[in-house]
Amino acid sequence: MKITGLEEGRAEEVWESAGEIVRGGDVKNTGYIHALEGIVSGLDSDRGQTLPRKIAEGKYTKEELEETKEQMERRSSQEFRPEGERSFYKAWSDILLPLIEKGEGSE
């Protein structure tokens, strides 16, 4: 799977747009913002082994994306985790959902 636009160096633009949506200053948004920062950083990074880079390059199957999303959803709903941590995992789940629904992933 190739993520159109992001592989063309538009990750910073996407990050800025997402940041405008979730900024609010509370703890819940802090974890969400940290996840988005990490995803964008992973895409722009020279490190090819980051999870965002692997996903963008199509190195995950649809089934692997679904499994990863389920793990993130499970972690985001675990009450013993601090609010910021739960929102971090929620962001990952939110990012993965449209990729799965669009049928992204390698065969």
C-alpha atoms as a PDB file:
ATOM      1  CA  MET A   1       0.000   0.000   0.000  1.00  0.00           C
ATOM      2  CA  LYS A   2       1.223   3.434  -0.816  1.00  0.00           C
ATOM      3  CA  ILE A   3      -0.320   6.353   1.010  1.00  0.00           C
ATOM      4  CA  THR A   4      -0.884   8.922  -1.699  1.00  0.00           C
ATOM      5  CA  GLY A   5       0.518  12.306  -0.807  1.00  0.00           C
ATOM      6  CA  LEU A   6       2.453  11.183   2.246  1.00  0.00           C
ATOM      7  CA  GLU A   7       5.092   9.417   0.216  1.00  0.00           C
ATOM      8  CA  GLU A   8       5.509  12.659  -1.707  1.00  0.00           C
ATOM      9  CA  GLY A   9       6.720  14.566   1.346  1.00  0.00           C
ATOM     10  CA  ARG A  10       3.407  16.037   2.463  1.00  0.00           C
ATOM     11  CA  ALA A  11       3.534  14.529   5.952  1.00  0.00           C
ATOM     12  CA  GLU A  12       4.236  17.897   7.590  1.00  0.00           C
ATOM     13  CA  GLU A  13       1.177  19.431   5.920  1.00  0.00           C
ATOM     14  CA  VAL A  14      -1.000  16.553   7.120  1.00  0.00           C
ATOM     15  CA  TRP A  15       0.409  16.920  10.641  1.00  0.00           C
ATOM     16  CA  GLU A  16      -0.399  20.626  10.755  1.00  0.00           C
ATOM     17  CA  SER A  17      -3.981  20.011   9.622  1.00  0.00           C
ATOM     18  CA  ALA A  18      -4.461  17.218  12.163  1.00  0.00           C
ATOM     19  CA  GLY A  19      -2.954  19.334  14.919  1.00  0.00           C
ATOM     20  CA  GLU A  20      -5.500  22.068  14.299  1.00  0.00           C
ATOM     21  CA  ILE A  21      -8.284  19.532  14.733  1.00  0.00           C
ATOM     22  CA  VAL A  22      -7.144  18.024  18.038  1.00  0.00           C
ATOM     23  CA  ARG A  23      -5.478  20.922  19.825  1.00  0.00           C
ATOM     24  CA  GLY A  24      -7.239  21.768  23.009  1.00  0.00           C
ATOM     25  CA  GLY A  25      -4.589  21.556  25.673  1.00  0.00           C
ATOM     26  CA  ASP A  26      -6.110  18.837  27.845  1.00  0.00           C
ATOM     27  CA  VAL A  27      -4.465  15.543  28.740  1.00  0.00           C
ATOM     28  CA  LYS A  28      -6.696  13.547  26.436  1.00  0.00           C
ATOM     29  CA  ASN A  29      -5.582  15.506  23.391  1.00  0.00           C
ATOM     30  CA  THR A  30      -1.929  15.422  24.447  1.00  0.00           C
ATOM     31  CA  GLY A  31      -1.623  11.664  23.856  1.00  0.00           C
ATOM     32  CA  TYR A  32      -3.469  11.966  20.557  1.00  0.00           C
ATOM     33  CA  ILE A  33      -1.151  14.744  19.421  1.00  0.00           C
ATOM     34  CA  HIS A  34       1.941  12.770  20.479  1.00  0.00           C
ATOM     35  CA  ALA A  35       0.774   9.828  18.380  1.00  0.00           C
ATOM     36  CA  LEU A  36       0.244  12.051  15.351  1.00  0.00           C
ATOM     37  CA  GLU A  37       3.672  13.629  15.859  1.00  0.00           C
ATOM     38  CA  GLY A  38       5.244  10.182  16.021  1.00  0.00           C
ATOM     39  CA  ILE A  39       3.446   8.978  12.913  1.00  0.00           C
ATOM     40  CA  VAL A  40       4.520  12.022  10.910  1.00  0.00           C
ATOM     41  CA  SER A  41       8.052  11.815  12.266  1.00  0.00           C
ATOM     42  CA  GLY A  42       8.178   8.149  11.298  1.00  0.00           C
ATOM     43  CA  LEU A  43       7.084   8.983   7.770  1.00  0.00           C
ATOM     44  CA  ASP A  44       9.592  11.795   7.331  1.00  0.00           C
ATOM     45  CA  SER A  45      12.380   9.868   9.014  1.00  0.00           C
ATOM     46  CA  ASP A  46      15.350   8.311   7.293  1.00  0.00           C
ATOM     47  CA  ARG A  47      14.724   5.259   9.458  1.00  0.00           C
ATOM     48  CA  GLY A  48      12.963   2.810   7.161  1.00  0.00           C
ATOM     49  CA  GLN A  49      11.975   0.460   9.971  1.00  0.00           C
ATOM     50  CA  THR A  50       9.373   2.681  11.634  1.00  0.00           C
ATOM     51  CA  LEU A  51       5.808   1.374  11.733  1.00  0.00           C
ATOM     52  CA  PRO A  52       4.409   4.388   9.818  1.00  0.00           C
ATOM     53  CA  ARG A  53       7.060   3.984   7.096  1.00  0.00           C
ATOM     54  CA  LYS A  54       6.391   0.245   6.782  1.00  0.00           C
ATOM     55  CA  ILE A  55       2.647   0.873   6.491  1.00  0.00           C
ATOM     56  CA  ALA A  56       3.149   3.643   3.907  1.00  0.00           C
ATOM     57  CA  GLU A  57       5.398   1.392   1.839  1.00  0.00           C
ATOM     58  CA  GLY A  58       2.849  -1.428   1.801  1.00  0.00           C
ATOM     59  CA  LYS A  59       4.806  -3.831   3.984  1.00  0.00           C
ATOM     60  CA  TYR A  60       1.720  -4.715   6.037  1.00  0.00           C
ATOM     61  CA  THR A  61      -1.130  -6.879   4.779  1.00  0.00           C
ATOM     62  CA  LYS A  62      -4.720  -5.843   5.343  1.00  0.00           C
ATOM     63  CA  GLU A  63      -4.964  -8.578   7.970  1.00  0.00           C
ATOM     64  CA  GLU A  64      -1.895  -7.238   9.780  1.00  0.00           C
ATOM     65  CA  LEU A  65      -3.375  -3.730   9.707  1.00  0.00           C
ATOM     66  CA  GLU A  66      -6.635  -5.078  11.160  1.00  0.00           C
ATOM     67  CA  GLU A  67      -4.756  -6.936  13.902  1.00  0.00           C
ATOM     68  CA  THR A  68      -2.714  -3.834  14.748  1.00  0.00           C
ATOM     69  CA  LYS A  69      -5.876  -1.724  14.863  1.00  0.00           C
ATOM     70  CA  GLU A  70      -7.533  -4.218  17.219  1.00  0.00           C
ATOM     71  CA  GLN A  71      -4.499  -4.091  19.520  1.00  0.00           C
ATOM     72  CA  MET A  72      -4.613  -0.291  19.529  1.00  0.00           C
ATOM     73  CA  GLU A  73      -8.371  -0.261  20.228  1.00  0.00           C
ATOM     74  CA  ARG A  74      -7.939  -2.723  23.082  1.00  0.00           C
ATOM     75  CA  ARG A  75      -5.188  -0.621  24.644  1.00  0.00           C
ATOM     76  CA  SER A  76      -7.193   2.585  24.199  1.00  0.00           C
ATOM     77  CA  SER A  77     -10.064   1.153  26.230  1.00  0.00           C
ATOM     78  CA  GLN A  78      -8.060  -0.258  29.139  1.00  0.00           C
ATOM     79  CA  GLU A  79      -9.044   1.779  32.184  1.00  0.00           C
ATOM     80  CA  PHE A  80      -5.763   1.138  34.029  1.00  0.00           C
ATOM     81  CA  ARG A  81      -3.899   3.176  31.405  1.00  0.00           C
ATOM     82  CA  PRO A  82      -3.586   6.934  31.945  1.00  0.00           C
ATOM     83  CA  GLU A  83      -5.887   9.118  29.823  1.00  0.00           C
ATOM     84  CA  GLY A  84      -3.039  10.427  27.657  1.00  0.00           C
ATOM     85  CA  GLU A  85      -1.836   6.914  26.887  1.00  0.00           C
ATOM     86  CA  ARG A  86      -5.340   5.759  25.979  1.00  0.00           C
ATOM     87  CA  SER A  87      -5.729   8.699  23.592  1.00  0.00           C
ATOM     88  CA  PHE A  88      -2.340   7.848  22.034  1.00  0.00           C
ATOM     89  CA  TYR A  89      -3.646   4.388  21.124  1.00  0.00           C
ATOM     90  CA  LYS A  90      -6.973   5.869  20.024  1.00  0.00           C
ATOM     91  CA  ALA A  91      -5.130   8.045  17.498  1.00  0.00           C
ATOM     92  CA  TRP A  92      -3.426   4.986  16.038  1.00  0.00           C
ATOM     93  CA  SER A  93      -6.755   3.197  15.793  1.00  0.00           C
ATOM     94  CA  ASP A  94      -8.292   6.243  14.085  1.00  0.00           C
ATOM     95  CA  ILE A  95      -5.427   6.415  11.573  1.00  0.00           C
ATOM     96  CA  LEU A  96      -5.619   2.710  10.724  1.00  0.00           C
ATOM     97  CA  LEU A  97      -9.409   2.575  10.245  1.00  0.00           C
ATOM     98  CA  PRO A  98      -9.619   4.432   6.916  1.00  0.00           C
ATOM     99  CA  LEU A  99      -6.635   2.499   5.569  1.00  0.00           C
ATOM    100  CA  ILE A 100      -8.394  -0.778   6.332  1.00  0.00           C
ATOM    101  CA  GLU A 101     -11.752   0.422   5.010  1.00  0.00           C
ATOM    102  CA  LYS A 102     -10.103   1.577   1.793  1.00  0.00           C
ATOM    103  CA  GLY A 103      -8.669  -1.907   1.403  1.00  0.00           C
ATOM    104  CA  GLU A 104      -5.071  -0.818   1.802  1.00  0.00           C
ATOM    105  CA  GLY A 105      -2.375  -3.304   2.610  1.00  0.00           C
ATOM    106  CA  SER A 106      -0.282  -5.680   0.602  1.00  0.00           C
ATOM    107  CA  GLU A 107      -1.690  -8.920  -0.676  1.00  0.00           C
END
